[in-house]
Amino acid sequence: MEFIEQFEIKIKESLCNSGVVLSENCRLGMAVSGGADSIAMLTSIFYICRKIGTKLFVITVNHRIRSEQDSGGDAEFVLQYCRNLGVACTVHALQDGEVFKTAQIRKGGIEEAARFLRYQAFEKFIIEKEIDFLCLAHNQNDNLETILMRFLQGSTGLASCGIRPVRNKFIRPLLSVSRHEIEDYLNCRKVSWRTDQTNFDNSYLRNKIRNQLIPYLDSLFGGWQKSVLAGAEKHAVDFDFLEKQAEFHVWQKNGHDCCWMPVAELRKLHGAVRRRLFFSAVNDLGLNYRIPYLFVKKCEEILFHENICAEQTYCVFGVQVRSNGESFFIEKKANFKTHKGFFAIIAHEGIFDFPFGQVKAENGTVEFCSDNIVLKNLKFPFCIRSRQICDVIISADGKMRNVNDIFSSWAVPDSLRDEIPLVQVLSEKNQALVCICGSVLGFDNWIVKDFLY
C-alpha cells in the first residue's frame, strides 16, 4: 500500500503543479486508450478524486486503423472499466478510412493524421463537457523517446525540448513517472490493461527507439536518461527566452494568406530569433504541415541574396517565400492541394476507375488493366493511393526504402510523383505498402515478393 500511496501522491502533486484545483467544482477529463499508461492515469486520478468530489469524464478514440477486434476491443475495454468505476465515458469512433484520407490530404503520414483527428475529438469533447483540463497519459519514457526521435530527425526549437507538461487545457500528470512505475502500480492495484501489438513493430521510428536504441543505451551509458531529460529542460528555458525576443517583431498581414516584414528589420536580427519568426509566420497562416529546416535555409538565402532587388521565390508544401528587395513575404500558396492526388479503399470485388486507368479486384488478385500488373494474396480491404511524405516499402534485402528515394533513383520528376499509384494492405497490423506501380507512367515497378504474381 505504501507504493500505491506514493504513486498517487506523485500524480496529485503533478495535477496541482499543472494548475488543477481539485474540488467539487472542477471538471477533469482524461483521454484513455486502454494501455497501461492511460489506465494507470485513470485509476490513480479516480482514487485521488473520489473523496473530493471532482467530476471525471473519459474519452476513448477508436481510430479504426487496426482490426475491429483490436481497436474496437480497446474501446470496449475502456468503456467497461469506466462503468465499473462509475465514471462517464465517451467512445469517439472515426469513420472507416478517415485516418488514411486525412493522411492523404495533410501529406504527413498515418500517425500524424491519427493524432490530428484525435486532438480534434479532444477539443470537441472539452467544449461539450465543459472540461477544465484534459489529462493525457504521456510518461517519462515517452518523453525520452520523443527527445531522441526529434534529435534523430534534426528537430530544433520547441520540438527538441521534449513533451511539455501543460499546453492550454491539455496536461500530462504522468510525465515524471516511468513506465516501470506505472506497471508496478497497476499490478499492486490488481488492474489489467490492453497491449497494442503494433508497439512491437520496429518499422515505426518510435518503436525502433523504444525497443532497440534505448535498451542499447541503457547497457552502455548508465545515467544517460537523467542527463537527456535535464538537457531538454534547460533547452526549454533557452527556447522560452528566444520566443519572447521574437515577440518584439510582428509580421504584418495582407489578408489571411500573406505575412510580410521589412527586409531591413529581419536582416538585423540574430539568426535564432529570425528562425522562430519564419516558423511563426507559417503558423499564423494556419499551415500545420511539418516544414523542413530547408525552409529556413531558403528563407535566409532569399533574405540575404546579393541581387535581392530582383524578386526571388521559393515554394515548399503549402508555403511560398519571396522578396522584392524592400519587403519579405511568407504566404500560403494558392491551389496547394493537388488534383493529382487520389485515395481509395477497396473493400470488395469489382472494377474501379482511377486517373491512371481501371483496376480489377477478384479472387485475391488485383490487376492494373492498362499495364498488365497483377498482384496476388491481397485481402480486403486494401488501399490504392498516391504517395505520402513518410512512405516506406520493404526491399529484397529486408531493409525499408523511402518511396521518394525510389522515385529519385527512377528519375521521376516532382510533377509526376503524385500520379504514381501505391498499393497498401490494411488487413495486417503493419499496413505496409506492397507495390509501387511506376509502369503506369513508363517507369519501373516495385512489388514486394509475397505479392508478385
Protein backbone atom coordinates (compact mmCIF):
# COMPACT_ATOMS: atom_id res chain seq x y z
CA MET A 1 0.00 0.00 0.00
CA GLU A 2 2.92 2.36 0.62
CA PHE A 3 3.92 2.26 -3.07
CA ILE A 4 0.30 2.90 -4.14
CA GLU A 5 0.06 5.91 -1.82
CA GLN A 6 3.38 7.32 -3.00
CA PHE A 7 2.36 6.90 -6.65
CA GLU A 8 -0.97 8.66 -6.14
CA ILE A 9 0.64 11.48 -4.13
CA LYS A 10 3.04 11.99 -7.05
CA ILE A 11 0.14 12.22 -9.52
CA LYS A 12 -1.79 14.58 -7.24
CA GLU A 13 1.24 16.89 -6.95
CA SER A 14 1.63 16.84 -10.72
CA LEU A 15 -2.03 17.80 -11.18
CA CYS A 16 -1.65 20.71 -8.76
CA ASN A 17 1.59 21.85 -10.43
CA SER A 18 -0.28 21.89 -13.75
CA GLY A 19 -2.82 24.36 -12.37
CA VAL A 20 -5.59 21.94 -11.39
CA VAL A 21 -7.57 22.90 -8.28
CA LEU A 22 -9.17 19.67 -7.13
CA SER A 23 -12.64 20.43 -5.80
CA GLU A 24 -16.31 19.65 -6.32
CA ASN A 25 -16.44 22.39 -8.94
CA CYS A 26 -13.55 21.01 -11.00
CA ARG A 27 -14.39 19.09 -14.20
CA LEU A 28 -11.45 16.87 -15.13
CA GLY A 29 -11.22 14.94 -18.41
CA MET A 30 -8.98 12.01 -19.31
CA ALA A 31 -8.03 10.57 -22.70
CA VAL A 32 -7.80 6.80 -22.18
CA SER A 33 -6.69 4.28 -24.80
CA GLY A 34 -6.73 1.14 -22.68
CA GLY A 35 -2.95 0.83 -22.44
CA ALA A 36 -1.06 0.68 -19.14
CA ASP A 37 -0.25 4.41 -19.11
CA SER A 38 -3.78 5.71 -19.54
CA ILE A 39 -5.36 3.05 -17.33
CA ALA A 40 -2.90 3.94 -14.54
CA MET A 41 -3.73 7.62 -15.02
CA LEU A 42 -7.48 6.94 -14.85
CA THR A 43 -7.14 4.63 -11.84
CA SER A 44 -4.91 6.93 -9.79
CA ILE A 45 -6.97 10.06 -10.52
CA PHE A 46 -10.17 8.17 -9.69
CA TYR A 47 -8.85 7.27 -6.23
CA ILE A 48 -7.43 10.77 -5.72
CA CYS A 49 -10.73 12.44 -6.60
CA ARG A 50 -13.41 10.13 -5.24
CA LYS A 51 -13.39 11.70 -1.76
CA ILE A 52 -13.03 15.25 -3.10
CA GLY A 53 -15.99 15.02 -5.45
CA THR A 54 -14.16 16.20 -8.57
CA LYS A 55 -16.23 15.33 -11.66
CA LEU A 56 -14.41 12.98 -14.03
CA PHE A 57 -15.04 12.45 -17.75
CA VAL A 58 -13.27 9.95 -20.03
CA ILE A 59 -12.92 9.89 -23.81
CA THR A 60 -11.51 6.99 -25.82
CA VAL A 61 -10.91 7.18 -29.57
CA ASN A 62 -11.31 4.24 -31.95
CA HIS A 63 -9.12 5.20 -34.92
CA ARG A 64 -10.15 2.13 -36.96
CA ILE A 65 -6.67 1.69 -38.41
CA ARG A 66 -6.26 -1.76 -36.84
CA SER A 67 -8.64 -4.70 -36.89
CA GLU A 68 -12.02 -4.23 -35.19
CA GLN A 69 -11.02 -6.90 -32.70
CA ASP A 70 -8.03 -4.79 -31.64
CA SER A 71 -9.17 -1.16 -31.85
CA GLY A 72 -12.83 -1.89 -31.12
CA GLY A 73 -11.75 -4.20 -28.31
CA ASP A 74 -9.67 -1.43 -26.74
CA ALA A 75 -12.64 0.95 -26.77
CA GLU A 76 -14.94 -1.66 -25.25
CA PHE A 77 -12.34 -2.42 -22.53
CA VAL A 78 -12.14 1.26 -21.56
CA LEU A 79 -15.92 1.61 -21.60
CA GLN A 80 -16.40 -1.40 -19.31
CA TYR A 81 -13.67 -0.31 -16.89
CA CYS A 82 -15.25 3.15 -16.63
CA ARG A 83 -18.62 1.53 -15.90
CA ASN A 84 -17.01 -0.46 -13.09
CA LEU A 85 -15.59 2.76 -11.62
CA GLY A 86 -18.78 4.73 -12.18
CA VAL A 87 -17.04 7.25 -14.45
CA ALA A 88 -18.72 8.73 -17.55
CA CYS A 89 -17.08 7.54 -20.78
CA THR A 90 -17.46 8.77 -24.36
CA VAL A 91 -16.38 6.48 -27.22
CA HIS A 92 -15.42 8.51 -30.29
CA ALA A 93 -15.21 6.21 -33.32
CA LEU A 94 -13.70 7.56 -36.52
CA GLN A 95 -15.16 6.58 -39.89
CA ASP A 96 -13.62 3.69 -41.83
CA GLY A 97 -10.70 5.05 -43.84
CA GLU A 98 -10.91 8.51 -42.23
CA VAL A 99 -7.32 8.41 -40.98
CA PHE A 100 -5.99 7.33 -44.38
CA LYS A 101 -7.96 10.00 -46.25
CA THR A 102 -6.76 12.65 -43.78
CA ALA A 103 -3.15 11.48 -44.23
CA GLN A 104 -3.54 11.90 -47.98
CA ILE A 105 -4.89 15.44 -47.61
CA ARG A 106 -2.38 16.56 -44.97
CA LYS A 107 0.58 14.69 -46.53
CA GLY A 108 2.03 13.92 -43.10
CA GLY A 109 1.70 10.15 -42.71
CA ILE A 110 -0.76 7.85 -40.93
CA GLU A 111 0.44 8.57 -37.39
CA GLU A 112 0.28 12.34 -37.89
CA ALA A 113 -3.23 12.08 -39.34
CA ALA A 114 -4.41 9.90 -36.44
CA ARG A 115 -3.03 12.42 -33.95
CA PHE A 116 -4.69 15.32 -35.80
CA LEU A 117 -8.11 13.62 -35.74
CA ARG A 118 -7.65 12.51 -32.13
CA TYR A 119 -6.96 16.05 -30.96
CA GLN A 120 -9.92 17.32 -32.96
CA ALA A 121 -12.08 14.90 -30.96
CA PHE A 122 -10.44 16.04 -27.71
CA GLU A 123 -11.13 19.72 -28.46
CA LYS A 124 -14.79 18.97 -29.18
CA PHE A 125 -15.02 16.84 -26.01
CA ILE A 126 -13.58 19.66 -23.88
CA ILE A 127 -16.20 22.08 -25.17
CA GLU A 128 -19.17 19.70 -24.93
CA LYS A 129 -18.38 18.55 -21.38
CA GLU A 130 -17.17 21.99 -20.22
CA ILE A 131 -13.92 20.42 -19.04
CA ASP A 132 -11.34 22.49 -17.17
CA PHE A 133 -8.36 20.25 -18.02
CA LEU A 134 -7.92 17.15 -20.18
CA CYS A 135 -5.28 14.72 -18.91
CA LEU A 136 -3.06 12.88 -21.41
CA ALA A 137 -1.07 9.81 -20.36
CA HIS A 138 2.41 10.58 -21.74
CA ASN A 139 5.03 9.35 -19.28
CA GLN A 140 8.75 9.82 -18.68
CA ASN A 141 9.69 7.09 -21.17
CA ASP A 142 7.51 8.71 -23.84
CA ASN A 143 9.35 11.96 -23.22
CA LEU A 144 12.75 10.31 -23.63
CA GLU A 145 11.63 8.59 -26.83
CA THR A 146 10.31 11.88 -28.19
CA ILE A 147 13.54 13.74 -27.42
CA LEU A 148 15.64 11.03 -29.12
CA MET A 149 13.28 10.80 -32.08
CA ARG A 150 13.33 14.56 -32.69
CA PHE A 151 17.11 14.65 -32.30
CA LEU A 152 17.47 11.95 -34.96
CA GLN A 153 15.06 13.89 -37.20
CA GLY A 154 17.14 17.06 -36.81
CA SER A 155 14.42 18.99 -34.99
CA THR A 156 15.19 22.27 -33.24
CA GLY A 157 13.33 24.80 -31.12
CA LEU A 158 10.29 23.67 -29.17
CA ALA A 159 10.28 20.26 -30.87
CA SER A 160 13.66 19.38 -29.30
CA CYS A 161 12.53 20.32 -25.77
CA GLY A 162 10.53 17.14 -25.34
CA ILE A 163 6.90 16.89 -24.27
CA ARG A 164 5.57 19.89 -22.37
CA PRO A 165 3.57 19.14 -19.19
CA VAL A 166 0.96 21.84 -19.91
CA ARG A 167 -0.42 23.17 -23.20
CA ASN A 168 -3.58 25.20 -22.85
CA LYS A 169 -6.17 22.80 -21.35
CA PHE A 170 -4.06 19.70 -22.06
CA ILE A 171 -1.98 18.43 -19.12
CA ARG A 172 0.25 15.39 -18.62
CA PRO A 173 0.29 14.27 -14.97
CA LEU A 174 2.42 11.13 -15.65
CA LEU A 175 5.33 12.95 -17.27
CA SER A 176 7.64 12.40 -14.28
CA VAL A 177 6.61 8.74 -13.88
CA SER A 178 8.44 5.86 -15.58
CA ARG A 179 6.72 3.05 -17.46
CA HIS A 180 8.13 0.60 -14.89
CA GLU A 181 6.44 2.52 -12.05
CA ILE A 182 3.18 2.57 -13.99
CA GLU A 183 3.08 -1.20 -14.44
CA ASP A 184 4.08 -1.76 -10.80
CA TYR A 185 1.21 0.48 -9.70
CA LEU A 186 -1.34 -1.40 -11.80
CA ASN A 187 -0.07 -4.74 -10.55
CA CYS A 188 -0.35 -3.54 -6.93
CA ARG A 189 -3.88 -2.33 -7.64
CA LYS A 190 -4.58 -5.64 -9.47
CA VAL A 191 -5.81 -3.74 -12.53
CA SER A 192 -5.31 -5.15 -16.04
CA TRP A 193 -4.65 -3.25 -19.25
CA ARG A 194 -4.58 -3.76 -23.00
CA THR A 195 -1.41 -4.12 -25.07
CA ASP A 196 -1.22 -2.68 -28.59
CA GLN A 197 0.73 -5.24 -30.61
CA THR A 198 1.87 -2.55 -33.05
CA ASN A 199 4.14 -1.32 -30.22
CA PHE A 200 6.46 -4.21 -31.14
CA ASP A 201 6.61 -3.36 -34.85
CA ASN A 202 10.05 -1.84 -35.31
CA SER A 203 9.28 -0.45 -38.75
CA TYR A 204 7.98 2.60 -36.83
CA LEU A 205 10.73 5.01 -35.71
CA ARG A 206 9.36 5.43 -32.18
CA ASN A 207 9.18 1.66 -31.67
CA LYS A 208 12.70 1.23 -33.02
CA ILE A 209 13.92 3.80 -30.47
CA ARG A 210 11.90 2.19 -27.65
CA ASN A 211 12.72 -1.45 -28.40
CA GLN A 212 16.26 -1.22 -29.78
CA LEU A 213 18.04 2.09 -29.20
CA ILE A 214 17.07 2.74 -25.56
CA PRO A 215 18.00 -0.78 -24.32
CA TYR A 216 21.33 -0.37 -26.12
CA LEU A 217 22.00 3.00 -24.47
CA ASP A 218 20.96 1.57 -21.09
CA SER A 219 23.51 -1.22 -21.46
CA LEU A 220 26.40 1.15 -22.23
CA PHE A 221 25.70 4.52 -20.62
CA GLY A 222 24.39 4.47 -17.08
CA GLY A 223 22.51 7.62 -16.10
CA TRP A 224 22.06 8.86 -19.67
CA GLN A 225 18.29 9.19 -19.24
CA LYS A 226 18.54 11.77 -16.44
CA SER A 227 21.13 13.73 -18.41
CA VAL A 228 18.98 13.85 -21.54
CA LEU A 229 15.86 14.91 -19.61
CA ALA A 230 17.84 17.62 -17.78
CA GLY A 231 19.30 18.85 -21.07
CA ALA A 232 15.84 19.12 -22.62
CA GLU A 233 14.60 21.04 -19.57
CA LYS A 234 17.47 23.54 -19.85
CA HIS A 235 16.89 23.86 -23.58
CA ALA A 236 13.21 24.64 -22.94
CA VAL A 237 14.26 27.62 -20.78
CA ASP A 238 16.53 28.93 -23.57
CA PHE A 239 13.78 28.41 -26.12
CA ASP A 240 11.29 30.33 -23.99
CA PHE A 241 13.70 33.30 -23.85
CA LEU A 242 14.16 33.34 -27.63
CA GLU A 243 10.41 33.11 -28.17
CA LYS A 244 9.93 36.19 -26.02
CA GLN A 245 12.58 38.04 -28.05
CA ALA A 246 10.74 37.12 -31.25
CA GLU A 247 7.52 38.61 -29.86
CA PHE A 248 9.01 42.11 -30.22
CA HIS A 249 8.83 41.69 -34.01
CA VAL A 250 5.38 41.33 -35.54
CA TRP A 251 4.51 40.12 -39.02
CA GLN A 252 2.21 42.41 -40.98
CA LYS A 253 -0.75 40.72 -42.67
CA ASN A 254 -2.16 41.07 -46.17
CA GLY A 255 -5.46 39.27 -45.67
CA HIS A 256 -5.38 35.71 -44.31
CA ASP A 257 -2.86 34.29 -46.76
CA CYS A 258 0.20 36.54 -46.56
CA CYS A 259 2.63 37.70 -43.84
CA TRP A 260 5.34 40.26 -44.53
CA MET A 261 8.09 42.19 -42.73
CA PRO A 262 10.64 44.76 -43.87
CA VAL A 263 13.84 43.18 -45.17
CA ALA A 264 15.97 45.59 -43.11
CA GLU A 265 14.23 44.57 -39.87
CA LEU A 266 14.69 40.84 -40.48
CA ARG A 267 18.34 41.23 -41.52
CA LYS A 268 19.38 42.92 -38.28
CA LEU A 269 18.01 40.12 -36.03
CA HIS A 270 20.02 37.25 -34.57
CA GLY A 271 19.57 34.09 -36.63
CA ALA A 272 17.93 32.18 -33.75
CA VAL A 273 15.22 34.85 -33.37
CA ARG A 274 14.79 35.15 -37.12
CA ARG A 275 14.30 31.39 -37.42
CA ARG A 276 11.45 31.49 -34.91
CA LEU A 277 9.83 34.29 -36.85
CA PHE A 278 9.91 32.26 -40.06
CA PHE A 279 8.09 29.37 -38.39
CA SER A 280 5.66 31.67 -36.56
CA ALA A 281 4.62 33.13 -39.92
CA VAL A 282 3.78 29.62 -41.15
CA ASN A 283 1.68 29.04 -38.02
CA ASP A 284 -0.07 32.40 -38.49
CA LEU A 285 -1.13 31.24 -41.96
CA GLY A 286 -2.80 28.19 -40.42
CA LEU A 287 -0.47 25.69 -42.10
CA ASN A 288 0.21 22.77 -39.75
CA TYR A 289 2.47 20.77 -42.06
CA ARG A 290 5.89 19.81 -40.76
CA ILE A 291 8.07 22.31 -42.61
CA PRO A 292 11.68 21.09 -43.12
CA TYR A 293 14.74 23.03 -41.99
CA LEU A 294 15.48 23.56 -45.67
CA PHE A 295 12.65 26.11 -45.47
CA VAL A 296 14.67 28.23 -43.01
CA LYS A 297 17.81 27.95 -45.15
CA LYS A 298 15.91 29.07 -48.24
CA CYS A 299 14.37 31.98 -46.32
CA GLU A 300 17.87 33.07 -45.28
CA GLU A 301 19.18 32.65 -48.80
CA ILE A 302 16.45 34.83 -50.28
CA LEU A 303 16.68 37.39 -47.47
CA PHE A 304 20.44 37.89 -47.93
CA HIS A 305 20.61 37.36 -51.68
CA GLU A 306 23.10 39.82 -53.16
CA ASN A 307 20.73 40.51 -56.06
CA ILE A 308 17.68 40.83 -53.86
CA CYS A 309 16.42 43.71 -55.98
CA ALA A 310 15.36 41.02 -58.45
CA GLU A 311 12.43 39.17 -56.87
CA GLN A 312 13.35 35.72 -55.53
CA THR A 313 10.79 32.94 -54.86
CA TYR A 314 10.83 29.56 -53.13
CA CYS A 315 7.93 27.13 -52.54
CA VAL A 316 7.64 24.17 -50.16
CA PHE A 317 4.46 22.25 -49.28
CA GLY A 318 1.84 24.96 -48.74
CA VAL A 319 4.22 27.92 -48.34
CA GLN A 320 5.71 30.43 -50.78
CA VAL A 321 8.62 32.66 -49.75
CA ARG A 322 9.58 35.74 -51.80
CA SER A 323 11.17 39.17 -51.53
CA ASN A 324 11.06 42.30 -53.68
CA GLY A 325 14.11 43.91 -52.04
CA GLU A 326 12.17 46.01 -49.51
CA SER A 327 9.73 43.51 -48.01
CA PHE A 328 9.99 39.80 -47.22
CA PHE A 329 6.83 37.74 -47.81
CA ILE A 330 5.73 34.33 -46.49
CA GLU A 331 2.39 33.36 -47.96
CA LYS A 332 0.03 30.48 -48.49
CA LYS A 333 0.21 29.04 -51.97
CA ALA A 334 -2.99 29.06 -53.94
CA ASN A 335 -4.12 25.63 -55.16
CA PHE A 336 -1.76 23.79 -52.83
CA LYS A 337 -3.87 20.64 -52.69
CA THR A 338 -3.04 18.97 -55.95
CA HIS A 339 -5.79 17.48 -58.10
CA LYS A 340 -3.40 14.65 -58.96
CA GLY A 341 -3.63 13.01 -55.53
CA PHE A 342 -6.05 10.10 -55.12
CA PHE A 343 -7.10 7.71 -52.37
CA ALA A 344 -9.49 4.74 -52.37
CA ILE A 345 -10.13 1.82 -50.04
CA ILE A 346 -11.06 -1.33 -51.99
CA ALA A 347 -13.30 -3.41 -49.73
CA HIS A 348 -14.92 -5.82 -52.24
CA GLU A 349 -14.55 -7.35 -55.68
CA GLY A 350 -15.18 -5.19 -58.71
CA ILE A 351 -13.72 -2.87 -61.35
CA PHE A 352 -12.63 0.56 -60.15
CA ASP A 353 -11.73 3.69 -62.10
CA PHE A 354 -8.63 5.77 -61.28
CA PRO A 355 -6.84 8.68 -63.01
CA PHE A 356 -4.29 6.18 -64.40
CA GLY A 357 -6.88 3.62 -65.60
CA GLN A 358 -9.02 0.75 -64.31
CA VAL A 359 -8.21 -1.72 -61.53
CA LYS A 360 -9.91 -5.12 -61.32
CA ALA A 361 -10.09 -6.93 -57.96
CA GLU A 362 -11.30 -10.54 -57.66
CA ASN A 363 -10.36 -13.85 -56.02
CA GLY A 364 -7.41 -12.38 -54.07
CA THR A 365 -5.81 -10.89 -57.17
CA VAL A 366 -5.60 -7.28 -58.32
CA GLU A 367 -4.99 -6.34 -61.93
CA PHE A 368 -4.00 -2.91 -63.24
CA CYS A 369 -5.74 -3.27 -66.58
CA SER A 370 -3.77 -0.65 -68.51
CA ASP A 371 -0.34 -2.04 -67.59
CA ASN A 372 -0.83 -5.77 -67.10
CA ILE A 373 0.35 -5.60 -63.46
CA VAL A 374 -1.20 -8.45 -61.46
CA LEU A 375 -0.79 -8.78 -57.68
CA LYS A 376 -1.73 -11.82 -55.59
CA ASN A 377 -2.52 -12.52 -51.92
CA LEU A 378 -4.30 -9.19 -51.39
CA LYS A 379 -7.06 -9.46 -48.80
CA PHE A 380 -9.89 -6.96 -48.49
CA PRO A 381 -9.72 -4.18 -47.53
CA PHE A 382 -6.66 -2.69 -49.19
CA CYS A 383 -5.85 0.80 -50.37
CA ILE A 384 -4.75 2.30 -53.69
CA ARG A 385 -3.44 5.83 -53.28
CA SER A 386 -0.83 8.38 -54.23
CA ARG A 387 2.28 8.97 -52.11
CA GLN A 388 2.55 10.41 -48.61
CA ILE A 389 5.59 12.19 -47.24
CA CYS A 390 6.82 9.41 -44.92
CA ASP A 391 6.07 6.38 -47.15
CA VAL A 392 8.49 3.44 -46.99
CA ILE A 393 8.46 0.00 -48.63
CA ILE A 394 10.47 -3.15 -47.92
CA SER A 395 13.27 -4.14 -50.30
CA ALA A 396 14.62 -7.57 -51.25
CA ASP A 397 17.32 -7.35 -48.54
CA GLY A 398 14.70 -6.76 -45.82
CA LYS A 399 15.52 -3.08 -45.35
CA MET A 400 12.99 -0.28 -45.62
CA ARG A 401 13.37 2.17 -48.51
CA ASN A 402 11.83 5.63 -48.68
CA VAL A 403 9.41 5.88 -51.60
CA ASN A 404 10.64 9.33 -52.57
CA ASP A 405 14.21 7.95 -52.68
CA ILE A 406 12.98 5.25 -55.06
CA PHE A 407 11.31 7.89 -57.22
CA SER A 408 14.62 9.80 -57.29
CA SER A 409 16.52 6.67 -58.38
CA TRP A 410 13.97 6.24 -61.18
CA ALA A 411 14.37 9.93 -62.14
CA VAL A 412 10.64 10.60 -61.66
CA PRO A 413 10.02 14.38 -61.88
CA ASP A 414 8.30 16.01 -58.90
CA SER A 415 5.38 16.92 -61.16
CA LEU A 416 4.60 13.23 -61.77
CA ARG A 417 5.20 11.66 -58.34
CA ASP A 418 1.64 12.21 -57.11
CA GLU A 419 0.29 10.35 -60.17
CA ILE A 420 2.03 7.02 -59.45
CA PRO A 421 -0.27 4.58 -57.58
CA LEU A 422 0.82 2.78 -54.42
CA VAL A 423 -0.91 -0.32 -53.04
CA GLN A 424 -1.17 -0.62 -49.24
CA VAL A 425 -2.51 -3.59 -47.26
CA LEU A 426 -4.97 -2.73 -44.47
CA SER A 427 -5.76 -6.22 -43.20
CA GLU A 428 -2.36 -6.67 -41.46
CA LYS A 429 -1.15 -4.84 -38.37
CA ASN A 430 1.75 -3.03 -40.08
CA GLN A 431 -0.43 -1.89 -43.02
CA ALA A 432 2.61 -1.95 -45.28
CA LEU A 433 2.99 -0.77 -48.85
CA VAL A 434 3.32 -3.76 -51.19
CA CYS A 435 3.57 -2.19 -54.64
CA ILE A 436 4.72 0.98 -56.42
CA CYS A 437 3.12 0.87 -59.88
CA GLY A 438 5.56 3.06 -61.77
CA SER A 439 4.82 1.48 -65.17
CA VAL A 440 1.54 3.43 -65.45
CA LEU A 441 3.80 6.40 -66.33
CA GLY A 442 6.57 4.43 -68.06
CA PHE A 443 8.82 3.85 -65.02
CA ASP A 444 9.76 0.65 -63.17
CA ASN A 445 7.56 -1.24 -60.71
CA TRP A 446 8.45 -2.15 -57.13
CA ILE A 447 6.49 -5.19 -55.92
CA VAL A 448 7.04 -6.96 -52.59
CA LYS A 449 7.83 -10.59 -53.48
CA ASP A 450 4.96 -12.15 -51.49
CA PHE A 451 2.52 -10.23 -53.68
CA LEU A 452 4.27 -10.75 -57.04
CA TYR A 453 2.06 -12.88 -59.26
